[in-house]
Amino acid sequence: MNPIITLLKEHHISDEQIQSLFQSLTDNPLMAMATLSQLGIPADKMQQLMAMVMQNPALIKEAVEELGLDFAKVEAAKAKLQQNA
């Protein structure tokens, strides 16, 4: 299992919430960050999660694919954010 998903499950985040989080990531990465902050994960674990993603960004792609979502949408959303920056 993907380490991002594992960490979320360790903090009693439901499958539905995980699916929703990654669905929002594919639609709007900024909204995903807001959703993630509302899950009540302790700050130290959130830092661990962010460090994990920064060291290995491919983990997001793996998690999205594991959940059966379309990673191309993540890339499209990321490109849109970069255009607006």
Protein backbone atom coordinates (compact mmCIF):
# COMPACT_ATOMS: atom_id res chain seq x y z
CA MET A 1 0.00 0.00 0.00
CA ASN A 2 1.16 3.52 -0.77
CA PRO A 3 2.84 5.16 2.28
CA ILE A 4 0.65 8.29 1.96
CA ILE A 5 -2.51 6.19 2.13
CA THR A 6 -1.01 4.11 4.95
CA LEU A 7 -0.28 7.21 7.03
CA LEU A 8 -3.80 8.54 6.46
CA LYS A 9 -5.32 5.22 7.50
CA GLU A 10 -3.14 5.15 10.63
CA HIS A 11 -4.90 8.36 11.65
CA HIS A 12 -8.33 6.83 11.15
CA ILE A 13 -9.06 8.65 7.91
CA SER A 14 -11.80 6.69 6.20
CA ASP A 15 -11.52 5.24 2.71
CA GLU A 16 -14.20 7.68 1.61
CA GLN A 17 -12.23 10.66 2.98
CA ILE A 18 -9.04 9.41 1.31
CA GLN A 19 -10.84 8.97 -1.98
CA SER A 20 -12.35 12.46 -1.63
CA LEU A 21 -8.96 13.98 -0.80
CA PHE A 22 -7.31 12.51 -3.86
CA GLN A 23 -10.31 13.33 -6.04
CA SER A 24 -9.99 16.97 -4.97
CA LEU A 25 -6.26 16.73 -5.71
CA THR A 26 -7.06 15.73 -9.28
CA ASP A 27 -9.51 18.63 -9.60
CA ASN A 28 -7.90 21.40 -7.56
CA PRO A 29 -4.63 20.88 -5.65
CA LEU A 30 -5.21 23.96 -3.48
CA MET A 31 -8.55 22.57 -2.36
CA ALA A 32 -6.84 19.28 -1.54
CA MET A 33 -4.47 21.10 0.81
CA ALA A 34 -7.42 22.71 2.58
CA THR A 35 -9.14 19.33 2.85
CA LEU A 36 -5.97 17.71 4.17
CA SER A 37 -5.61 20.35 6.88
CA GLN A 38 -9.17 19.61 8.09
CA LEU A 39 -8.51 15.91 8.71
CA GLY A 40 -7.03 16.47 12.16
CA ILE A 41 -3.66 14.84 11.52
CA PRO A 42 -1.12 15.92 14.18
CA ALA A 43 1.40 18.53 13.01
CA ASP A 44 4.38 16.20 13.38
CA LYS A 45 2.72 13.55 11.21
CA MET A 46 1.71 16.20 8.67
CA GLN A 47 5.36 17.30 8.47
CA GLN A 48 6.37 13.67 8.00
CA LEU A 49 3.83 13.32 5.19
CA MET A 50 4.96 16.51 3.46
CA ALA A 51 8.64 15.49 3.75
CA MET A 52 7.79 12.09 2.26
CA VAL A 53 6.08 13.75 -0.71
CA MET A 54 8.83 16.31 -1.22
CA GLN A 55 11.51 13.60 -1.21
CA ASN A 56 9.52 11.37 -3.55
CA PRO A 57 6.81 13.22 -5.52
CA ALA A 58 6.04 9.99 -7.41
CA LEU A 59 4.21 8.83 -4.28
CA ILE A 60 1.29 11.09 -5.22
CA LYS A 61 1.06 9.49 -8.65
CA GLU A 62 1.21 6.03 -7.09
CA ALA A 63 -1.54 6.89 -4.60
CA VAL A 64 -3.77 8.40 -7.30
CA GLU A 65 -3.33 5.31 -9.47
CA GLU A 66 -3.87 2.97 -6.49
CA LEU A 67 -7.20 4.71 -5.88
CA GLY A 68 -8.15 4.33 -9.55
CA LEU A 69 -8.08 8.04 -10.36
CA ASP A 70 -6.63 9.78 -13.42
CA PHE A 71 -3.16 11.21 -12.77
CA ALA A 72 -3.34 13.23 -16.00
CA LYS A 73 -5.91 15.41 -14.22
CA VAL A 74 -3.38 16.11 -11.45
CA GLU A 75 -0.85 17.21 -14.05
CA ALA A 76 -3.45 19.40 -15.78
CA ALA A 77 -4.41 21.04 -12.49
CA LYS A 78 -0.75 21.61 -11.66
CA ALA A 79 -0.15 23.24 -15.05
CA LYS A 80 -3.18 25.48 -14.54
CA LEU A 81 -1.85 26.58 -11.13
CA GLN A 82 1.53 27.40 -12.66
CA GLN A 83 -0.13 29.52 -15.35
CA ASN A 84 -2.01 31.51 -12.71
CA ALA A 85 1.11 32.08 -10.60
